[in-house]
């Protein structure tokens, strides 16, 4: 049997029995990109790799750990102009993961965030209303729990993790595509 097929079957078997039955994938990457960039003439996929110095800048700016130095940006273009950016970030909450698509305006502000997959119990998942507190904010400290964003009772880890991921992704954007100063 083909090794790749065997690995896939094993992973599907393990994932089927793992975790909470309410954990799930809400949107695929392709469908999410279609929804957030409906009028884009093209969506360019661009990998960026942070140098150690850039990663340190991101850590300092975001006040969050940088677990990976490789990020993939999906850049929407129309009439030869970049009109928006999306980054898909998967991070661990307690023991399982959450995958979020962050859509960034060309000025470096968050336009939209959408949870694509959540593998912890859905009771711990941030609501759309709470997530919508982030878009449009410029200052990183106003995106911290207790500083500009309220905590979520019963989902403190999820709230903190989402806040850190938002700040980290925006900091990566600002380091790699400098258009905005965090003043």
N, C-alpha and C. Protein backbone atom coordinates (compact mmCIF):
# COMPACT_ATOMS: atom_id res chain seq x y z
N UNK A 1 0.85 -1.18 0.00
CA UNK A 1 0.00 0.00 0.00
C UNK A 1 0.89 1.24 0.00
N UNK A 2 0.48 2.25 -0.71
CA UNK A 2 1.22 3.50 -0.79
C UNK A 2 1.38 4.09 0.61
N UNK A 3 2.59 4.53 0.95
CA UNK A 3 2.88 5.07 2.28
C UNK A 3 2.03 6.30 2.59
N UNK A 4 1.83 7.17 1.61
CA UNK A 4 1.02 8.38 1.83
C UNK A 4 -0.42 8.03 2.16
N UNK A 5 -0.96 7.03 1.48
CA UNK A 5 -2.34 6.61 1.74
C UNK A 5 -2.44 6.01 3.13
N UNK A 6 -1.46 5.22 3.51
CA UNK A 6 -1.45 4.62 4.84
C UNK A 6 -1.39 5.69 5.93
N UNK A 7 -0.55 6.69 5.73
CA UNK A 7 -0.44 7.79 6.69
C UNK A 7 -1.77 8.54 6.78
N UNK A 8 -2.39 8.82 5.64
CA UNK A 8 -3.67 9.53 5.61
C UNK A 8 -4.75 8.74 6.35
N UNK A 9 -4.82 7.45 6.09
CA UNK A 9 -5.82 6.60 6.76
C UNK A 9 -5.58 6.61 8.27
N UNK A 10 -4.33 6.49 8.68
CA UNK A 10 -3.99 6.51 10.10
C UNK A 10 -4.40 7.82 10.74
N UNK A 11 -4.07 8.94 10.07
CA UNK A 11 -4.44 10.25 10.61
C UNK A 11 -5.95 10.41 10.72
N UNK A 12 -6.68 9.99 9.69
CA UNK A 12 -8.14 10.08 9.73
C UNK A 12 -8.70 9.23 10.86
N UNK A 13 -8.16 8.05 11.07
CA UNK A 13 -8.61 7.18 12.15
C UNK A 13 -8.35 7.84 13.50
N UNK A 14 -7.15 8.39 13.69
CA UNK A 14 -6.81 9.03 14.95
C UNK A 14 -7.65 10.28 15.20
N UNK A 15 -7.82 11.10 14.16
CA UNK A 15 -8.59 12.32 14.31
C UNK A 15 -10.07 12.04 14.54
N UNK A 16 -10.57 10.97 13.93
CA UNK A 16 -11.99 10.63 14.09
C UNK A 16 -12.32 10.34 15.55
N UNK A 17 -11.44 9.69 16.24
CA UNK A 17 -11.69 9.33 17.63
C UNK A 17 -11.17 10.34 18.62
N UNK A 18 -10.49 11.38 18.16
CA UNK A 18 -9.87 12.32 19.08
C UNK A 18 -10.77 13.50 19.39
N UNK A 19 -10.67 13.98 20.60
CA UNK A 19 -11.28 15.26 20.96
C UNK A 19 -12.78 15.23 21.06
N UNK A 20 -13.31 16.41 21.22
CA UNK A 20 -14.73 16.65 21.39
C UNK A 20 -15.45 16.47 20.07
N UNK A 21 -16.62 15.85 20.11
CA UNK A 21 -17.37 15.63 18.88
C UNK A 21 -17.87 16.94 18.27
N UNK A 22 -17.89 18.01 19.06
CA UNK A 22 -18.35 19.29 18.53
C UNK A 22 -17.24 20.06 17.82
N UNK A 23 -16.00 19.58 17.95
CA UNK A 23 -14.87 20.24 17.28
C UNK A 23 -15.01 20.05 15.78
N UNK A 24 -14.70 21.14 15.02
CA UNK A 24 -14.91 20.98 13.59
C UNK A 24 -14.22 22.04 12.75
N UNK A 25 -14.23 21.77 11.46
CA UNK A 25 -13.75 22.70 10.45
C UNK A 25 -14.98 23.45 9.94
N UNK A 26 -14.91 24.77 9.94
CA UNK A 26 -16.04 25.58 9.50
C UNK A 26 -15.91 26.00 8.04
N UNK A 27 -14.69 26.34 7.64
CA UNK A 27 -14.45 26.78 6.27
C UNK A 27 -13.09 26.26 5.81
N UNK A 28 -12.99 25.88 4.54
CA UNK A 28 -11.70 25.52 3.99
C UNK A 28 -10.96 26.81 3.61
N UNK A 29 -9.67 26.71 3.44
CA UNK A 29 -8.86 27.87 3.04
C UNK A 29 -9.36 28.45 1.72
N UNK A 30 -9.59 27.60 0.74
CA UNK A 30 -10.04 28.08 -0.57
C UNK A 30 -11.36 28.82 -0.51
N UNK A 31 -12.33 28.26 0.20
CA UNK A 31 -13.64 28.89 0.32
C UNK A 31 -13.53 30.20 1.09
N UNK A 32 -12.74 30.21 2.15
CA UNK A 32 -12.56 31.43 2.95
C UNK A 32 -11.94 32.54 2.11
N UNK A 33 -10.93 32.20 1.31
CA UNK A 33 -10.30 33.22 0.44
C UNK A 33 -11.29 33.76 -0.58
N UNK A 34 -12.13 32.89 -1.13
CA UNK A 34 -13.17 33.35 -2.07
C UNK A 34 -14.13 34.32 -1.39
N UNK A 35 -14.49 34.02 -0.15
CA UNK A 35 -15.45 34.86 0.57
C UNK A 35 -14.88 36.22 0.95
N UNK A 36 -13.58 36.26 1.34
CA UNK A 36 -13.02 37.54 1.79
C UNK A 36 -12.49 38.39 0.65
N UNK A 37 -12.19 37.78 -0.49
CA UNK A 37 -11.69 38.53 -1.65
C UNK A 37 -12.56 38.25 -2.88
N UNK A 38 -13.87 38.54 -2.81
CA UNK A 38 -14.76 38.16 -3.92
C UNK A 38 -14.49 38.92 -5.21
N UNK A 39 -13.96 40.12 -5.13
CA UNK A 39 -13.76 40.93 -6.33
C UNK A 39 -12.31 40.97 -6.80
N UNK A 40 -11.45 40.22 -6.14
CA UNK A 40 -10.04 40.23 -6.53
C UNK A 40 -9.86 39.59 -7.90
N UNK A 41 -9.02 40.22 -8.71
CA UNK A 41 -8.70 39.64 -10.02
C UNK A 41 -7.74 38.47 -9.86
N UNK A 42 -6.91 38.55 -8.84
CA UNK A 42 -6.00 37.43 -8.54
C UNK A 42 -5.66 37.46 -7.06
N UNK A 43 -5.32 36.29 -6.54
CA UNK A 43 -4.84 36.18 -5.16
C UNK A 43 -3.49 35.49 -5.24
N UNK A 44 -2.45 36.26 -4.92
CA UNK A 44 -1.07 35.75 -4.97
C UNK A 44 -0.71 35.14 -3.63
N UNK A 45 -0.08 33.99 -3.68
CA UNK A 45 0.40 33.32 -2.48
C UNK A 45 1.87 33.68 -2.32
N UNK A 46 2.22 34.29 -1.17
CA UNK A 46 3.61 34.69 -0.96
C UNK A 46 4.09 34.21 0.41
N UNK A 47 5.14 33.40 0.39
CA UNK A 47 5.75 32.92 1.64
C UNK A 47 6.76 33.96 2.11
N UNK A 48 6.71 34.27 3.40
CA UNK A 48 7.73 35.16 3.97
C UNK A 48 8.39 34.44 5.13
N UNK A 49 9.68 34.61 5.23
CA UNK A 49 10.45 33.99 6.30
C UNK A 49 11.11 35.09 7.10
N UNK A 50 10.77 35.16 8.38
CA UNK A 50 11.33 36.19 9.26
C UNK A 50 12.77 35.84 9.62
N UNK A 51 13.65 36.82 9.54
CA UNK A 51 14.99 36.64 10.07
C UNK A 51 14.86 36.65 11.60
N UNK A 52 15.91 36.28 12.29
CA UNK A 52 15.87 36.30 13.76
C UNK A 52 15.60 37.73 14.25
N UNK A 53 16.20 38.70 13.59
CA UNK A 53 15.99 40.11 13.97
C UNK A 53 14.53 40.53 13.74
N UNK A 54 13.96 40.12 12.61
CA UNK A 54 12.55 40.43 12.34
C UNK A 54 11.63 39.72 13.34
N UNK A 55 11.95 38.47 13.67
CA UNK A 55 11.15 37.73 14.66
C UNK A 55 11.19 38.44 16.01
N UNK A 56 12.35 38.95 16.38
CA UNK A 56 12.47 39.69 17.64
C UNK A 56 11.64 40.98 17.59
N UNK A 57 11.63 41.65 16.46
CA UNK A 57 10.79 42.85 16.29
C UNK A 57 9.32 42.50 16.45
N UNK A 58 8.91 41.38 15.87
CA UNK A 58 7.52 40.93 15.99
C UNK A 58 7.21 40.63 17.45
N UNK A 59 8.10 39.92 18.16
CA UNK A 59 7.89 39.61 19.59
C UNK A 59 7.70 40.88 20.40
N UNK A 60 8.58 41.85 20.17
CA UNK A 60 8.51 43.11 20.91
C UNK A 60 7.24 43.89 20.59
N UNK A 61 6.90 43.98 19.31
CA UNK A 61 5.74 44.75 18.89
C UNK A 61 4.44 44.11 19.39
N UNK A 62 4.33 42.79 19.23
CA UNK A 62 3.10 42.07 19.55
C UNK A 62 2.99 41.68 21.02
N UNK A 63 4.12 41.68 21.72
CA UNK A 63 4.14 41.17 23.09
C UNK A 63 3.57 39.74 23.10
N UNK A 64 4.03 38.96 22.12
CA UNK A 64 3.57 37.58 21.96
C UNK A 64 4.71 36.75 21.40
N UNK A 65 4.70 35.46 21.72
CA UNK A 65 5.73 34.56 21.20
C UNK A 65 5.57 34.35 19.70
N UNK A 66 6.69 34.10 19.05
CA UNK A 66 6.71 33.78 17.63
C UNK A 66 7.12 32.32 17.53
N UNK A 67 6.12 31.45 17.32
CA UNK A 67 6.38 30.01 17.27
C UNK A 67 6.96 29.57 15.94
N UNK A 68 6.64 30.32 14.90
CA UNK A 68 7.13 29.99 13.56
C UNK A 68 7.65 31.26 12.91
N UNK A 69 8.68 31.11 12.10
CA UNK A 69 9.19 32.28 11.38
C UNK A 69 8.75 32.26 9.93
N UNK A 70 7.96 31.26 9.55
CA UNK A 70 7.45 31.15 8.19
C UNK A 70 5.95 31.47 8.19
N UNK A 71 5.56 32.41 7.35
CA UNK A 71 4.16 32.81 7.21
C UNK A 71 3.81 32.83 5.73
N UNK A 72 2.57 32.50 5.43
CA UNK A 72 2.09 32.57 4.06
C UNK A 72 1.03 33.65 3.99
N UNK A 73 1.27 34.63 3.14
CA UNK A 73 0.31 35.71 2.90
C UNK A 73 -0.40 35.44 1.59
N UNK A 74 -1.69 35.68 1.59
CA UNK A 74 -2.49 35.62 0.37
C UNK A 74 -2.84 37.06 0.05
N UNK A 75 -2.32 37.55 -1.07
CA UNK A 75 -2.42 38.96 -1.41
C UNK A 75 -3.42 39.14 -2.54
N UNK A 76 -4.53 39.84 -2.22
CA UNK A 76 -5.57 40.11 -3.22
C UNK A 76 -5.14 41.29 -4.06
N UNK A 77 -5.31 41.16 -5.38
CA UNK A 77 -4.93 42.23 -6.30
C UNK A 77 -6.06 42.51 -7.28
N UNK A 78 -6.24 43.79 -7.56
CA UNK A 78 -7.17 44.25 -8.59
C UNK A 78 -6.55 45.44 -9.28
N UNK A 79 -6.64 45.48 -10.59
CA UNK A 79 -6.04 46.56 -11.38
C UNK A 79 -4.55 46.74 -11.05
N UNK A 80 -3.86 45.64 -10.78
CA UNK A 80 -2.43 45.67 -10.50
C UNK A 80 -2.08 46.22 -9.12
N UNK A 81 -3.07 46.46 -8.30
CA UNK A 81 -2.85 47.05 -6.97
C UNK A 81 -3.22 46.04 -5.88
N UNK A 82 -2.40 46.00 -4.82
CA UNK A 82 -2.70 45.11 -3.70
C UNK A 82 -3.86 45.71 -2.89
N UNK A 83 -4.93 44.93 -2.74
CA UNK A 83 -6.13 45.45 -2.08
C UNK A 83 -6.41 44.83 -0.72
N UNK A 84 -5.72 43.77 -0.38
CA UNK A 84 -5.90 43.13 0.92
C UNK A 84 -4.98 41.96 1.07
N UNK A 85 -4.80 41.55 2.32
CA UNK A 85 -3.88 40.47 2.66
C UNK A 85 -4.60 39.52 3.61
N UNK A 86 -4.33 38.25 3.47
CA UNK A 86 -4.88 37.27 4.40
C UNK A 86 -3.74 36.37 4.88
N UNK A 87 -3.82 36.01 6.15
CA UNK A 87 -2.86 35.08 6.75
C UNK A 87 -3.68 34.06 7.52
N UNK A 88 -3.33 32.80 7.35
CA UNK A 88 -4.00 31.74 8.11
C UNK A 88 -3.04 31.29 9.19
N UNK A 89 -3.50 31.37 10.42
CA UNK A 89 -2.66 31.07 11.58
C UNK A 89 -3.29 29.92 12.37
N UNK A 90 -2.52 28.87 12.58
CA UNK A 90 -2.97 27.76 13.42
C UNK A 90 -2.13 27.78 14.69
N UNK A 91 -2.80 27.79 15.82
CA UNK A 91 -2.09 27.83 17.09
C UNK A 91 -2.79 26.91 18.09
N UNK A 92 -2.04 26.48 19.08
CA UNK A 92 -2.55 25.57 20.10
C UNK A 92 -3.20 26.37 21.21
N UNK A 93 -4.35 25.88 21.66
CA UNK A 93 -5.03 26.50 22.79
C UNK A 93 -4.61 25.73 24.05
N UNK A 94 -5.42 24.81 24.52
CA UNK A 94 -5.03 24.00 25.67
C UNK A 94 -4.13 22.87 25.16
N UNK A 95 -4.75 21.93 24.47
CA UNK A 95 -3.99 20.81 23.89
C UNK A 95 -4.28 20.66 22.41
N UNK A 96 -5.37 21.25 21.95
CA UNK A 96 -5.76 21.14 20.55
C UNK A 96 -5.65 22.50 19.88
N UNK A 97 -5.99 22.57 18.60
CA UNK A 97 -5.70 23.78 17.85
C UNK A 97 -6.94 24.55 17.39
N UNK A 98 -6.64 25.78 17.01
CA UNK A 98 -7.60 26.69 16.40
C UNK A 98 -6.91 27.25 15.16
N UNK A 99 -7.65 27.37 14.07
CA UNK A 99 -7.12 27.97 12.85
C UNK A 99 -7.96 29.19 12.53
N UNK A 100 -7.28 30.33 12.38
CA UNK A 100 -7.96 31.60 12.14
C UNK A 100 -7.40 32.24 10.88
N UNK A 101 -8.29 32.78 10.06
CA UNK A 101 -7.85 33.59 8.93
C UNK A 101 -7.99 35.05 9.35
N UNK A 102 -6.87 35.77 9.23
CA UNK A 102 -6.84 37.20 9.51
C UNK A 102 -6.75 37.93 8.18
N UNK A 103 -7.66 38.86 7.94
CA UNK A 103 -7.65 39.65 6.72
C UNK A 103 -7.22 41.06 7.10
N UNK A 104 -6.17 41.54 6.42
CA UNK A 104 -5.53 42.80 6.78
C UNK A 104 -5.69 43.81 5.66
N UNK A 105 -6.06 45.02 6.04
CA UNK A 105 -6.15 46.13 5.08
C UNK A 105 -4.75 46.56 4.67
N UNK A 106 -4.59 47.18 3.50
CA UNK A 106 -3.26 47.65 3.09
C UNK A 106 -2.61 48.63 4.08
N UNK A 107 -3.41 49.31 4.92
CA UNK A 107 -2.83 50.23 5.91
C UNK A 107 -2.36 49.52 7.17
N UNK A 108 -2.50 48.19 7.22
CA UNK A 108 -2.01 47.42 8.36
C UNK A 108 -3.02 47.17 9.45
N UNK A 109 -4.24 47.64 9.29
CA UNK A 109 -5.28 47.38 10.29
C UNK A 109 -5.99 46.07 9.95
N UNK A 110 -6.52 45.46 10.98
CA UNK A 110 -7.26 44.22 10.77
C UNK A 110 -8.61 44.55 10.16
N UNK A 111 -8.92 43.90 9.06
CA UNK A 111 -10.21 44.10 8.40
C UNK A 111 -11.24 43.10 8.93
N UNK A 112 -10.78 41.85 9.10
CA UNK A 112 -11.71 40.78 9.46
C UNK A 112 -10.91 39.60 10.01
N UNK A 113 -11.52 38.86 10.91
CA UNK A 113 -10.94 37.61 11.39
C UNK A 113 -12.04 36.57 11.40
N UNK A 114 -11.69 35.37 11.01
CA UNK A 114 -12.67 34.29 10.92
C UNK A 114 -12.04 32.99 11.40
N UNK A 115 -12.71 32.32 12.33
CA UNK A 115 -12.23 31.01 12.79
C UNK A 115 -12.60 29.99 11.71
N UNK A 116 -11.58 29.35 11.15
CA UNK A 116 -11.80 28.35 10.10
C UNK A 116 -11.99 26.96 10.69
N UNK A 117 -11.27 26.68 11.78
CA UNK A 117 -11.38 25.37 12.44
C UNK A 117 -11.11 25.55 13.93
N UNK A 118 -11.84 24.79 14.72
CA UNK A 118 -11.70 24.88 16.18
C UNK A 118 -11.84 23.48 16.73
N UNK A 119 -10.75 22.94 17.31
CA UNK A 119 -10.75 21.55 17.75
C UNK A 119 -10.87 21.37 19.25
N UNK A 120 -10.98 22.45 19.98
CA UNK A 120 -11.33 22.37 21.40
C UNK A 120 -12.85 22.30 21.46
N UNK A 121 -13.43 22.02 22.63
CA UNK A 121 -14.90 22.06 22.73
C UNK A 121 -15.41 23.44 22.33
N UNK A 122 -16.48 23.47 21.55
CA UNK A 122 -16.98 24.73 21.02
C UNK A 122 -17.47 25.68 22.11
N UNK A 123 -17.70 25.20 23.32
CA UNK A 123 -18.05 26.09 24.44
C UNK A 123 -16.95 27.12 24.69
N UNK A 124 -15.72 26.78 24.31
CA UNK A 124 -14.58 27.66 24.54
C UNK A 124 -14.27 28.55 23.34
N UNK A 125 -15.07 28.46 22.29
CA UNK A 125 -14.80 29.22 21.07
C UNK A 125 -15.31 30.66 21.21
N UNK A 126 -14.46 31.64 20.86
CA UNK A 126 -14.91 33.04 20.89
C UNK A 126 -16.07 33.27 19.92
N UNK A 127 -16.99 34.13 20.32
CA UNK A 127 -18.13 34.43 19.45
C UNK A 127 -17.73 35.43 18.37
N UNK A 128 -18.51 35.49 17.32
CA UNK A 128 -18.27 36.47 16.26
C UNK A 128 -18.35 37.89 16.79
N UNK A 129 -19.26 38.13 17.72
CA UNK A 129 -19.40 39.47 18.31
C UNK A 129 -18.11 39.88 19.03
N UNK A 130 -17.51 38.96 19.77
CA UNK A 130 -16.28 39.26 20.49
C UNK A 130 -15.12 39.46 19.49
N UNK A 131 -15.03 38.60 18.48
CA UNK A 131 -13.97 38.71 17.46
C UNK A 131 -14.05 40.06 16.75
N UNK A 132 -15.26 40.56 16.55
CA UNK A 132 -15.45 41.83 15.85
C UNK A 132 -15.01 43.05 16.66
N UNK A 133 -14.50 42.83 17.87
CA UNK A 133 -13.93 43.94 18.65
C UNK A 133 -12.53 44.31 18.13
N UNK A 134 -11.88 43.43 17.37
CA UNK A 134 -10.51 43.63 16.91
C UNK A 134 -10.35 44.49 15.65
N UNK A 135 -11.18 44.31 14.63
CA UNK A 135 -10.96 45.06 13.39
C UNK A 135 -10.93 46.58 13.59
N UNK A 136 -10.01 47.21 12.85
CA UNK A 136 -9.89 48.67 12.88
C UNK A 136 -8.96 49.20 13.94
N UNK A 137 -8.61 48.39 14.91
CA UNK A 137 -7.69 48.86 15.96
C UNK A 137 -6.28 48.95 15.40
N UNK A 138 -5.56 49.96 15.84
CA UNK A 138 -4.19 50.16 15.36
C UNK A 138 -3.18 49.80 16.43
N UNK A 139 -3.39 50.28 17.64
CA UNK A 139 -2.41 50.07 18.72
C UNK A 139 -2.48 48.64 19.25
N UNK A 140 -1.31 48.02 19.33
CA UNK A 140 -1.23 46.64 19.81
C UNK A 140 -1.75 46.50 21.24
N UNK A 141 -1.45 47.46 22.10
CA UNK A 141 -1.88 47.33 23.49
C UNK A 141 -3.40 47.41 23.63
N UNK A 142 -4.09 47.95 22.65
CA UNK A 142 -5.56 47.99 22.68
C UNK A 142 -6.18 46.68 22.19
N UNK A 143 -5.32 45.73 21.81
CA UNK A 143 -5.78 44.41 21.39
C UNK A 143 -5.47 43.35 22.43
N UNK A 144 -5.08 43.78 23.62
CA UNK A 144 -4.78 42.85 24.70
C UNK A 144 -6.00 42.65 25.58
N UNK A 145 -6.12 41.45 26.11
CA UNK A 145 -7.21 41.15 27.04
C UNK A 145 -7.01 42.02 28.29
N UNK A 146 -8.07 42.71 28.67
CA UNK A 146 -8.02 43.57 29.85
C UNK A 146 -7.52 44.97 29.57
N UNK A 147 -6.96 45.21 28.42
CA UNK A 147 -6.45 46.55 28.08
C UNK A 147 -7.39 47.27 27.12
N UNK A 148 -7.95 46.55 26.18
CA UNK A 148 -8.87 47.15 25.22
C UNK A 148 -9.91 46.14 24.78
N UNK A 149 -9.65 44.88 25.13
CA UNK A 149 -10.53 43.78 24.76
C UNK A 149 -10.95 43.06 26.05
N UNK A 150 -12.25 42.86 26.26
CA UNK A 150 -12.69 42.15 27.47
C UNK A 150 -12.36 40.66 27.38
N UNK A 151 -12.20 40.05 28.54
CA UNK A 151 -11.98 38.61 28.60
C UNK A 151 -13.29 37.89 28.31
N UNK A 152 -13.21 36.61 28.05
CA UNK A 152 -14.41 35.79 27.85
C UNK A 152 -14.50 34.85 29.04
N UNK A 153 -15.53 35.03 29.85
CA UNK A 153 -15.72 34.17 31.01
C UNK A 153 -15.86 32.72 30.56
N UNK A 154 -15.06 31.85 31.15
CA UNK A 154 -15.12 30.44 30.80
C UNK A 154 -14.28 30.06 29.59
N UNK A 155 -13.67 31.06 28.95
CA UNK A 155 -12.84 30.78 27.77
C UNK A 155 -11.61 31.68 27.77
N UNK A 156 -11.01 31.83 28.93
CA UNK A 156 -9.86 32.72 29.10
C UNK A 156 -8.69 32.33 28.21
N UNK A 157 -8.39 31.05 28.11
CA UNK A 157 -7.27 30.60 27.29
C UNK A 157 -7.54 30.90 25.82
N UNK A 158 -8.75 30.64 25.36
CA UNK A 158 -9.10 30.92 23.96
C UNK A 158 -9.00 32.42 23.67
N UNK A 159 -9.49 33.24 24.59
CA UNK A 159 -9.45 34.70 24.39
C UNK A 159 -8.00 35.19 24.34
N UNK A 160 -7.19 34.73 25.27
CA UNK A 160 -5.79 35.15 25.30
C UNK A 160 -5.03 34.70 24.06
N UNK A 161 -5.29 33.48 23.64
CA UNK A 161 -4.61 32.93 22.47
C UNK A 161 -5.02 33.68 21.20
N UNK A 162 -6.31 33.98 21.06
CA UNK A 162 -6.79 34.71 19.89
C UNK A 162 -6.18 36.11 19.86
N UNK A 163 -6.15 36.76 21.01
CA UNK A 163 -5.56 38.10 21.11
C UNK A 163 -4.08 38.08 20.72
N UNK A 164 -3.34 37.12 21.25
CA UNK A 164 -1.91 37.00 20.91
C UNK A 164 -1.71 36.72 19.42
N UNK A 165 -2.52 35.83 18.86
CA UNK A 165 -2.39 35.50 17.44
C UNK A 165 -2.69 36.73 16.58
N UNK A 166 -3.70 37.50 16.96
CA UNK A 166 -4.03 38.71 16.21
C UNK A 166 -2.87 39.69 16.22
N UNK A 167 -2.33 39.94 17.40
CA UNK A 167 -1.21 40.88 17.52
C UNK A 167 0.02 40.37 16.77
N UNK A 168 0.28 39.06 16.86
CA UNK A 168 1.45 38.48 16.20
C UNK A 168 1.34 38.60 14.67
N UNK A 169 0.18 38.25 14.12
CA UNK A 169 -0.01 38.31 12.68
C UNK A 169 0.08 39.75 12.18
N UNK A 170 -0.53 40.69 12.90
CA UNK A 170 -0.44 42.09 12.50
C UNK A 170 0.99 42.61 12.58
N UNK A 171 1.72 42.16 13.60
CA UNK A 171 3.13 42.57 13.73
C UNK A 171 3.97 42.00 12.58
N UNK A 172 3.71 40.75 12.20
CA UNK A 172 4.42 40.16 11.06
C UNK A 172 4.13 40.99 9.81
N UNK A 173 2.87 41.34 9.60
CA UNK A 173 2.52 42.17 8.44
C UNK A 173 3.29 43.50 8.48
N UNK A 174 3.30 44.14 9.63
CA UNK A 174 3.94 45.45 9.74
C UNK A 174 5.45 45.38 9.55
N UNK A 175 6.04 44.26 9.92
CA UNK A 175 7.49 44.09 9.72
C UNK A 175 7.79 43.77 8.25
N UNK A 176 6.98 42.93 7.64
CA UNK A 176 7.25 42.49 6.28
C UNK A 176 6.69 43.42 5.20
N UNK A 177 5.64 44.16 5.52
CA UNK A 177 5.01 45.08 4.59
C UNK A 177 4.84 46.44 5.30
N UNK A 178 5.93 47.11 5.61
CA UNK A 178 5.83 48.33 6.45
C UNK A 178 5.05 49.45 5.77
N UNK A 179 3.84 49.70 6.29
CA UNK A 179 3.00 50.76 5.76
C UNK A 179 2.41 51.61 6.88
N UNK A 180 2.53 51.14 8.11
CA UNK A 180 1.85 51.78 9.22
C UNK A 180 2.77 51.80 10.42
N UNK A 181 2.78 52.90 11.13
CA UNK A 181 3.55 52.93 12.37
C UNK A 181 2.60 52.72 13.52
N UNK A 182 3.00 51.90 14.46
CA UNK A 182 2.20 51.62 15.64
C UNK A 182 2.47 52.71 16.66
N UNK A 183 1.79 53.83 16.52
CA UNK A 183 2.04 54.96 17.42
C UNK A 183 1.03 55.04 18.51
